[in-house]
Amino acid sequence: MTKDTQAAIQFSHVTFKSGEQEILHDITGWFPRNRITTLVGPSGAGKTTLFRLCNGLISPTSGDIYIDDRKIESYDPVQLRRKVGIALQSATMVSGTVRYNLALPMELQGKELSDERAKELITVVGLDESFLERKAKDLSGGQRQKLSIARTLVNQPEILLLDEITSSLDRVSQQEIEELIVRINEKYGTTIMWITHNLRQALSIGDYTWVMMDGELVETGESSLLKNPQNPRVQTFVKGETE
């Protein structure tokens, strides 16, 4: 990657330990602003831990993280989590309507989500306005994931972290979510970071890719690197995933 594009998030020699166990080791790299970067690697590589560092849920043991060239610890935690949104595989819903679930981020701030904004958000993620009055528990897996993404967009995050959001969905629903994320990136210029175990997805959706293994950033560059990785460990990993 060249620095023609500014960094939305930058890691400088970041290490994270949990007790005596080192989860991340000396991570140095950056995520380009307004682009989609996919993160791949075996289970236990440290990808989700890295995401938790990005929105301040945990702090590095050593090293520095910058969000828009500001050290992450200089942000108020609430401000940071509005700026850096996250959507998870589980797409957890609370009892009630789609509208109620969608409005939760505003309710937590003591504010109301307007009807106009609710309709805009639900439409952006490809659901009809009529869904607003449905019970969230009645939605399909793909529909719940769309609602989860819409709810994340309520705070208008500049950076969106996606952690395995399609891994439990069928192929049609996966494709719909992929198209949605590309649409959000293009419509809002949102910086997207997407953890996925699906190398086809990483290659087709990502502008750039990070490959993580054993808590280290092993290879990074344009997503086409997955077609011809230079690092022997990555070559073995890609071969194993595509056979």
C-alpha atoms as a PDB file:
ATOM      1  CA  MET A   1       0.000   0.000   0.000  1.00  0.00           C
ATOM      2  CA  THR A   2       1.199   3.491  -0.771  1.00  0.00           C
ATOM      3  CA  LYS A   3       0.363   6.456   1.405  1.00  0.00           C
ATOM      4  CA  ASP A   4      -1.360   8.340  -1.388  1.00  0.00           C
ATOM      5  CA  THR A   5      -4.412   7.629   0.755  1.00  0.00           C
ATOM      6  CA  GLN A   6      -4.497   8.861   4.351  1.00  0.00           C
ATOM      7  CA  ALA A   7      -4.589   6.416   7.230  1.00  0.00           C
ATOM      8  CA  ALA A   8      -7.882   6.115   9.103  1.00  0.00           C
ATOM      9  CA  ILE A   9      -6.270   3.874  11.731  1.00  0.00           C
ATOM     10  CA  GLN A  10      -2.570   3.320  12.250  1.00  0.00           C
ATOM     11  CA  PHE A  11      -0.774   0.810  14.476  1.00  0.00           C
ATOM     12  CA  SER A  12       2.792   1.449  15.586  1.00  0.00           C
ATOM     13  CA  HIS A  13       4.590  -1.500  17.248  1.00  0.00           C
ATOM     14  CA  VAL A  14       1.427  -2.578  19.074  1.00  0.00           C
ATOM     15  CA  THR A  15       1.619  -5.554  21.412  1.00  0.00           C
ATOM     16  CA  PHE A  16      -1.229  -6.875  23.532  1.00  0.00           C
ATOM     17  CA  LYS A  17      -0.898  -9.368  26.366  1.00  0.00           C
ATOM     18  CA  SER A  18      -3.582 -11.081  28.417  1.00  0.00           C
ATOM     19  CA  GLY A  19      -1.842 -12.122  31.590  1.00  0.00           C
ATOM     20  CA  GLU A  20       1.324 -13.844  30.453  1.00  0.00           C
ATOM     21  CA  GLN A  21      -0.095 -14.737  27.034  1.00  0.00           C
ATOM     22  CA  GLU A  22       0.892 -12.491  24.123  1.00  0.00           C
ATOM     23  CA  ILE A  23      -2.115 -12.193  21.800  1.00  0.00           C
ATOM     24  CA  LEU A  24      -0.690  -9.576  19.404  1.00  0.00           C
ATOM     25  CA  HIS A  25       3.002  -9.060  18.709  1.00  0.00           C
ATOM     26  CA  ASP A  26       4.557  -5.850  17.368  1.00  0.00           C
ATOM     27  CA  ILE A  27       1.779  -4.917  14.930  1.00  0.00           C
ATOM     28  CA  THR A  28       2.743  -2.048  12.626  1.00  0.00           C
ATOM     29  CA  GLY A  29       0.464  -1.128   9.748  1.00  0.00           C
ATOM     30  CA  TRP A  30      -2.384   1.110   8.673  1.00  0.00           C
ATOM     31  CA  PHE A  31      -5.895   1.047   7.258  1.00  0.00           C
ATOM     32  CA  PRO A  32      -6.565   3.456   4.350  1.00  0.00           C
ATOM     33  CA  ARG A  33      -9.360   5.970   4.808  1.00  0.00           C
ATOM     34  CA  ASN A  34     -12.526   5.508   2.705  1.00  0.00           C
ATOM     35  CA  ARG A  35     -11.452   2.046   1.519  1.00  0.00           C
ATOM     36  CA  ILE A  36     -12.395  -1.542   2.362  1.00  0.00           C
ATOM     37  CA  THR A  37      -9.666  -3.601   4.041  1.00  0.00           C
ATOM     38  CA  THR A  38     -10.293  -7.283   4.691  1.00  0.00           C
ATOM     39  CA  LEU A  39      -8.523  -9.204   7.472  1.00  0.00           C
ATOM     40  CA  VAL A  40      -7.905 -12.912   7.032  1.00  0.00           C
ATOM     41  CA  GLY A  41      -5.989 -15.596   8.855  1.00  0.00           C
ATOM     42  CA  PRO A  42      -6.484 -18.760  10.914  1.00  0.00           C
ATOM     43  CA  SER A  43      -8.644 -18.797  14.036  1.00  0.00           C
ATOM     44  CA  GLY A  44      -6.682 -17.466  16.989  1.00  0.00           C
ATOM     45  CA  ALA A  45      -4.596 -15.115  14.830  1.00  0.00           C
ATOM     46  CA  GLY A  46      -5.653 -12.096  16.914  1.00  0.00           C
ATOM     47  CA  LYS A  47      -8.018 -10.405  14.449  1.00  0.00           C
ATOM     48  CA  THR A  48     -10.904  -9.841  16.868  1.00  0.00           C
ATOM     49  CA  THR A  49      -8.499  -8.627  19.562  1.00  0.00           C
ATOM     50  CA  LEU A  50      -7.171  -6.091  17.072  1.00  0.00           C
ATOM     51  CA  PHE A  51     -10.742  -4.846  16.483  1.00  0.00           C
ATOM     52  CA  ARG A  52     -11.306  -4.454  20.228  1.00  0.00           C
ATOM     53  CA  LEU A  53      -8.223  -2.244  20.310  1.00  0.00           C
ATOM     54  CA  CYS A  54      -9.574  -0.132  17.440  1.00  0.00           C
ATOM     55  CA  ASN A  55     -12.656   1.034  19.333  1.00  0.00           C
ATOM     56  CA  GLY A  56     -11.077   1.252  22.755  1.00  0.00           C
ATOM     57  CA  LEU A  57     -12.655  -1.793  24.388  1.00  0.00           C
ATOM     58  CA  ILE A  58      -9.131  -2.790  25.425  1.00  0.00           C
ATOM     59  CA  SER A  59      -5.815  -0.928  25.428  1.00  0.00           C
ATOM     60  CA  PRO A  60      -2.468  -2.078  24.035  1.00  0.00           C
ATOM     61  CA  THR A  61       0.167  -3.400  26.398  1.00  0.00           C
ATOM     62  CA  SER A  62       2.732  -1.410  24.417  1.00  0.00           C
ATOM     63  CA  GLY A  63       2.853   0.616  21.218  1.00  0.00           C
ATOM     64  CA  ASP A  64       0.567   3.323  19.855  1.00  0.00           C
ATOM     65  CA  ILE A  65      -2.718   3.414  17.934  1.00  0.00           C
ATOM     66  CA  TYR A  66      -3.767   6.507  15.993  1.00  0.00           C
ATOM     67  CA  ILE A  67      -7.255   7.337  14.720  1.00  0.00           C
ATOM     68  CA  ASP A  68      -7.042  10.114  12.116  1.00  0.00           C
ATOM     69  CA  ASP A  69      -3.522  10.924  13.342  1.00  0.00           C
ATOM     70  CA  ARG A  70      -4.697  11.346  16.956  1.00  0.00           C
ATOM     71  CA  LYS A  71      -3.609   8.925  19.651  1.00  0.00           C
ATOM     72  CA  ILE A  72      -6.565   6.726  20.509  1.00  0.00           C
ATOM     73  CA  GLU A  73      -6.343   7.503  24.242  1.00  0.00           C
ATOM     74  CA  SER A  74      -6.998  11.194  23.501  1.00  0.00           C
ATOM     75  CA  TYR A  75     -10.586  10.372  22.456  1.00  0.00           C
ATOM     76  CA  ASP A  76     -13.481  10.346  24.882  1.00  0.00           C
ATOM     77  CA  PRO A  77     -14.672   6.684  24.914  1.00  0.00           C
ATOM     78  CA  VAL A  78     -18.227   7.577  23.865  1.00  0.00           C
ATOM     79  CA  GLN A  79     -16.925   9.803  21.060  1.00  0.00           C
ATOM     80  CA  LEU A  80     -14.573   7.031  19.917  1.00  0.00           C
ATOM     81  CA  ARG A  81     -17.322   4.401  19.718  1.00  0.00           C
ATOM     82  CA  ARG A  82     -19.511   6.710  17.673  1.00  0.00           C
ATOM     83  CA  LYS A  83     -16.612   7.309  15.306  1.00  0.00           C
ATOM     84  CA  VAL A  84     -15.649   3.628  15.140  1.00  0.00           C
ATOM     85  CA  GLY A  85     -18.758   1.416  14.875  1.00  0.00           C
ATOM     86  CA  ILE A  86     -18.772  -2.367  15.017  1.00  0.00           C
ATOM     87  CA  ALA A  87     -21.115  -5.074  13.706  1.00  0.00           C
ATOM     88  CA  LEU A  88     -20.730  -8.656  14.922  1.00  0.00           C
ATOM     89  CA  GLN A  89     -21.618 -12.099  13.619  1.00  0.00           C
ATOM     90  CA  SER A  90     -24.263 -12.562  16.326  1.00  0.00           C
ATOM     91  CA  ALA A  91     -26.387  -9.514  15.284  1.00  0.00           C
ATOM     92  CA  THR A  92     -27.966  -9.495  18.748  1.00  0.00           C
ATOM     93  CA  MET A  93     -31.493  -8.074  18.955  1.00  0.00           C
ATOM     94  CA  VAL A  94     -33.610  -7.086  21.949  1.00  0.00           C
ATOM     95  CA  SER A  95     -37.292  -7.899  22.316  1.00  0.00           C
ATOM     96  CA  GLY A  96     -39.485  -5.476  20.380  1.00  0.00           C
ATOM     97  CA  THR A  97     -39.900  -4.051  16.908  1.00  0.00           C
ATOM     98  CA  VAL A  98     -37.299  -3.377  14.260  1.00  0.00           C
ATOM     99  CA  ARG A  99     -37.855   0.351  14.870  1.00  0.00           C
ATOM    100  CA  TYR A 100     -37.154  -0.083  18.592  1.00  0.00           C
ATOM    101  CA  ASN A 101     -33.914  -1.986  17.904  1.00  0.00           C
ATOM    102  CA  LEU A 102     -32.858   0.591  15.344  1.00  0.00           C
ATOM    103  CA  ALA A 103     -33.452   3.456  17.769  1.00  0.00           C
ATOM    104  CA  LEU A 104     -31.402   1.963  20.641  1.00  0.00           C
ATOM    105  CA  PRO A 105     -28.174   3.932  19.973  1.00  0.00           C
ATOM    106  CA  MET A 106     -30.130   7.198  20.096  1.00  0.00           C
ATOM    107  CA  GLU A 107     -32.082   6.121  23.173  1.00  0.00           C
ATOM    108  CA  LEU A 108     -28.820   5.445  25.003  1.00  0.00           C
ATOM    109  CA  GLN A 109     -27.907   9.089  24.331  1.00  0.00           C
ATOM    110  CA  GLY A 110     -31.291  10.306  25.595  1.00  0.00           C
ATOM    111  CA  LYS A 111     -32.393  11.202  22.066  1.00  0.00           C
ATOM    112  CA  GLU A 112     -35.064  10.030  19.649  1.00  0.00           C
ATOM    113  CA  LEU A 113     -34.648   8.566  16.183  1.00  0.00           C
ATOM    114  CA  SER A 114     -36.903  10.446  13.787  1.00  0.00           C
ATOM    115  CA  ASP A 115     -39.293   8.586  11.485  1.00  0.00           C
ATOM    116  CA  GLU A 116     -37.516  10.090   8.487  1.00  0.00           C
ATOM    117  CA  ARG A 117     -34.101   8.881   9.646  1.00  0.00           C
ATOM    118  CA  ALA A 118     -35.461   5.423  10.547  1.00  0.00           C
ATOM    119  CA  LYS A 119     -36.936   5.049   7.054  1.00  0.00           C
ATOM    120  CA  GLU A 120     -33.715   6.262   5.449  1.00  0.00           C
ATOM    121  CA  LEU A 121     -31.545   3.780   7.366  1.00  0.00           C
ATOM    122  CA  ILE A 122     -33.783   0.766   6.835  1.00  0.00           C
ATOM    123  CA  THR A 123     -33.946   1.569   3.124  1.00  0.00           C
ATOM    124  CA  VAL A 124     -30.172   2.003   2.861  1.00  0.00           C
ATOM    125  CA  VAL A 125     -29.664  -1.588   4.036  1.00  0.00           C
ATOM    126  CA  GLY A 126     -32.154  -2.932   1.502  1.00  0.00           C
ATOM    127  CA  LEU A 127     -35.223  -3.492   3.680  1.00  0.00           C
ATOM    128  CA  ASP A 128     -38.652  -2.014   3.033  1.00  0.00           C
ATOM    129  CA  GLU A 129     -40.059   0.643   5.367  1.00  0.00           C
ATOM    130  CA  SER A 130     -42.764  -1.836   6.419  1.00  0.00           C
ATOM    131  CA  PHE A 131     -40.069  -3.806   8.293  1.00  0.00           C
ATOM    132  CA  LEU A 132     -39.924  -1.068  10.942  1.00  0.00           C
ATOM    133  CA  GLU A 133     -43.101  -2.375  12.585  1.00  0.00           C
ATOM    134  CA  ARG A 134     -42.136  -6.053  12.473  1.00  0.00           C
ATOM    135  CA  LYS A 135     -40.890  -7.944  15.501  1.00  0.00           C
ATOM    136  CA  ALA A 136     -37.103  -8.255  15.388  1.00  0.00           C
ATOM    137  CA  LYS A 137     -37.310 -11.897  16.524  1.00  0.00           C
ATOM    138  CA  ASP A 138     -39.267 -12.753  13.357  1.00  0.00           C
ATOM    139  CA  LEU A 139     -36.491 -11.653  11.001  1.00  0.00           C
ATOM    140  CA  SER A 140     -34.329 -14.100   9.073  1.00  0.00           C
ATOM    141  CA  GLY A 141     -30.595 -14.273   9.724  1.00  0.00           C
ATOM    142  CA  GLY A 142     -29.808 -12.067   6.743  1.00  0.00           C
ATOM    143  CA  GLN A 143     -32.471  -9.531   7.716  1.00  0.00           C
ATOM    144  CA  ARG A 144     -31.166  -9.388  11.298  1.00  0.00           C
ATOM    145  CA  GLN A 145     -27.689  -8.714   9.988  1.00  0.00           C
ATOM    146  CA  LYS A 146     -28.988  -5.888   7.801  1.00  0.00           C
ATOM    147  CA  LEU A 147     -30.776  -4.408  10.816  1.00  0.00           C
ATOM    148  CA  SER A 148     -27.587  -4.741  12.876  1.00  0.00           C
ATOM    149  CA  ILE A 149     -25.669  -2.806  10.233  1.00  0.00           C
ATOM    150  CA  ALA A 150     -28.421  -0.156  10.000  1.00  0.00           C
ATOM    151  CA  ARG A 151     -28.269   0.234  13.800  1.00  0.00           C
ATOM    152  CA  THR A 152     -24.504   0.713  13.610  1.00  0.00           C
ATOM    153  CA  LEU A 153     -25.033   3.450  11.009  1.00  0.00           C
ATOM    154  CA  VAL A 154     -27.297   5.458  13.355  1.00  0.00           C
ATOM    155  CA  ASN A 155     -24.230   7.178  14.850  1.00  0.00           C
ATOM    156  CA  GLN A 156     -22.829   7.848  11.365  1.00  0.00           C
ATOM    157  CA  PRO A 157     -19.468   6.186  12.078  1.00  0.00           C
ATOM    158  CA  GLU A 158     -16.527   7.196   9.926  1.00  0.00           C
ATOM    159  CA  ILE A 159     -15.023   3.735  10.442  1.00  0.00           C
ATOM    160  CA  LEU A 160     -16.993   0.479  10.449  1.00  0.00           C
ATOM    161  CA  LEU A 161     -15.585  -2.764  11.867  1.00  0.00           C
ATOM    162  CA  LEU A 162     -17.238  -5.967  10.613  1.00  0.00           C
ATOM    163  CA  ASP A 163     -16.426  -9.195  12.452  1.00  0.00           C
ATOM    164  CA  GLU A 164     -17.422 -12.325  10.477  1.00  0.00           C
ATOM    165  CA  ILE A 165     -20.847 -10.820   9.750  1.00  0.00           C
ATOM    166  CA  THR A 166     -21.741 -13.282   6.969  1.00  0.00           C
ATOM    167  CA  SER A 167     -20.228 -16.516   8.292  1.00  0.00           C
ATOM    168  CA  SER A 168     -23.571 -17.963   9.451  1.00  0.00           C
ATOM    169  CA  LEU A 169     -25.587 -16.843   6.419  1.00  0.00           C
ATOM    170  CA  ASP A 170     -26.561 -18.707   3.272  1.00  0.00           C
ATOM    171  CA  ARG A 171     -24.905 -17.805  -0.019  1.00  0.00           C
ATOM    172  CA  VAL A 172     -27.700 -15.492  -1.229  1.00  0.00           C
ATOM    173  CA  SER A 173     -27.756 -13.581   2.069  1.00  0.00           C
ATOM    174  CA  GLN A 174     -23.959 -13.371   2.015  1.00  0.00           C
ATOM    175  CA  GLN A 175     -24.043 -11.773  -1.416  1.00  0.00           C
ATOM    176  CA  GLU A 176     -26.705  -9.280  -0.318  1.00  0.00           C
ATOM    177  CA  ILE A 177     -24.584  -8.208   2.671  1.00  0.00           C
ATOM    178  CA  GLU A 178     -21.466  -7.938   0.496  1.00  0.00           C
ATOM    179  CA  GLU A 179     -23.324  -5.668  -1.943  1.00  0.00           C
ATOM    180  CA  LEU A 180     -24.656  -3.635   0.991  1.00  0.00           C
ATOM    181  CA  ILE A 181     -21.202  -3.044   2.458  1.00  0.00           C
ATOM    182  CA  VAL A 182     -19.821  -1.924  -0.913  1.00  0.00           C
ATOM    183  CA  ARG A 183     -22.829   0.408  -1.233  1.00  0.00           C
ATOM    184  CA  ILE A 184     -22.220   1.918   2.221  1.00  0.00           C
ATOM    185  CA  ASN A 185     -18.550   2.435   1.394  1.00  0.00           C
ATOM    186  CA  GLU A 186     -19.428   4.184  -1.855  1.00  0.00           C
ATOM    187  CA  LYS A 187     -22.409   6.209  -0.520  1.00  0.00           C
ATOM    188  CA  TYR A 188     -20.867   7.499   2.713  1.00  0.00           C
ATOM    189  CA  GLY A 189     -17.128   7.079   2.112  1.00  0.00           C
ATOM    190  CA  THR A 190     -17.043   4.924   5.248  1.00  0.00           C
ATOM    191  CA  THR A 191     -13.730   3.233   6.025  1.00  0.00           C
ATOM    192  CA  ILE A 192     -14.507  -0.503   6.280  1.00  0.00           C
ATOM    193  CA  MET A 193     -12.435  -3.145   8.062  1.00  0.00           C
ATOM    194  CA  TRP A 194     -13.863  -6.637   7.589  1.00  0.00           C
ATOM    195  CA  ILE A 195     -12.710  -9.832   9.299  1.00  0.00           C
ATOM    196  CA  THR A 196     -13.662 -12.802   7.135  1.00  0.00           C
ATOM    197  CA  HIS A 197     -12.669 -16.458   6.882  1.00  0.00           C
ATOM    198  CA  ASN A 198     -13.897 -16.467   3.270  1.00  0.00           C
ATOM    199  CA  LEU A 199     -10.944 -15.792   0.941  1.00  0.00           C
ATOM    200  CA  ARG A 200     -13.244 -15.350  -2.076  1.00  0.00           C
ATOM    201  CA  GLN A 201     -15.027 -12.616  -0.152  1.00  0.00           C
ATOM    202  CA  ALA A 202     -11.781 -11.016   0.993  1.00  0.00           C
ATOM    203  CA  LEU A 203     -10.494 -10.933  -2.566  1.00  0.00           C
ATOM    204  CA  SER A 204     -13.669  -9.692  -4.242  1.00  0.00           C
ATOM    205  CA  ILE A 205     -14.756  -7.101  -1.657  1.00  0.00           C
ATOM    206  CA  GLY A 206     -11.467  -5.813  -0.284  1.00  0.00           C
ATOM    207  CA  ASP A 207      -9.372  -3.036  -1.768  1.00  0.00           C
ATOM    208  CA  TYR A 208      -6.623  -4.084   0.612  1.00  0.00           C
ATOM    209  CA  THR A 209      -5.985  -7.126   2.804  1.00  0.00           C
ATOM    210  CA  TRP A 210      -4.174  -7.865   6.053  1.00  0.00           C
ATOM    211  CA  VAL A 211      -3.095 -11.461   6.644  1.00  0.00           C
ATOM    212  CA  MET A 212      -2.611 -12.232  10.344  1.00  0.00           C
ATOM    213  CA  MET A 213      -1.122 -15.398  11.819  1.00  0.00           C
ATOM    214  CA  ASP A 214      -0.165 -16.216  15.425  1.00  0.00           C
ATOM    215  CA  GLY A 215      -0.722 -12.635  16.555  1.00  0.00           C
ATOM    216  CA  GLU A 216       1.463 -11.115  13.856  1.00  0.00           C
ATOM    217  CA  LEU A 217       0.771  -9.121  10.693  1.00  0.00           C
ATOM    218  CA  VAL A 218       2.436 -11.420   8.175  1.00  0.00           C
ATOM    219  CA  GLU A 219       1.572  -9.839   4.834  1.00  0.00           C
ATOM    220  CA  THR A 220      -0.393  -6.798   3.675  1.00  0.00           C
ATOM    221  CA  GLY A 221      -1.173  -5.082   0.392  1.00  0.00           C
ATOM    222  CA  GLU A 222      -3.799  -4.931  -2.326  1.00  0.00           C
ATOM    223  CA  SER A 223      -6.272  -7.798  -1.981  1.00  0.00           C
ATOM    224  CA  SER A 224      -4.886  -9.412  -5.127  1.00  0.00           C
ATOM    225  CA  LEU A 225      -2.002 -10.586  -2.907  1.00  0.00           C
ATOM    226  CA  LEU A 226      -4.258 -13.532  -2.014  1.00  0.00           C
ATOM    227  CA  LYS A 227      -3.825 -14.798  -5.582  1.00  0.00           C
ATOM    228  CA  ASN A 228      -0.049 -14.807  -5.304  1.00  0.00           C
ATOM    229  CA  PRO A 229       1.202 -14.307  -1.722  1.00  0.00           C
ATOM    230  CA  GLN A 230       4.923 -13.765  -1.245  1.00  0.00           C
ATOM    231  CA  ASN A 231       5.229 -15.016   2.331  1.00  0.00           C
ATOM    232  CA  PRO A 232       5.649 -18.835   2.555  1.00  0.00           C
ATOM    233  CA  ARG A 233       3.342 -19.065   5.585  1.00  0.00           C
ATOM    234  CA  VAL A 234       0.637 -17.169   3.729  1.00  0.00           C
ATOM    235  CA  GLN A 235       1.129 -19.372   0.663  1.00  0.00           C
ATOM    236  CA  THR A 236       0.495 -22.451   2.824  1.00  0.00           C
ATOM    237  CA  PHE A 237      -2.546 -20.835   4.476  1.00  0.00           C
ATOM    238  CA  VAL A 238      -4.132 -19.774   1.167  1.00  0.00           C
ATOM    239  CA  LYS A 239      -3.492 -23.163  -0.397  1.00  0.00           C
ATOM    240  CA  GLY A 240      -5.143 -24.897   2.574  1.00  0.00           C
ATOM    241  CA  GLU A 241      -8.203 -22.629   2.424  1.00  0.00           C
ATOM    242  CA  THR A 242      -8.777 -23.016  -1.305  1.00  0.00           C
ATOM    243  CA  GLU A 243      -8.261 -26.761  -1.679  1.00  0.00           C
END
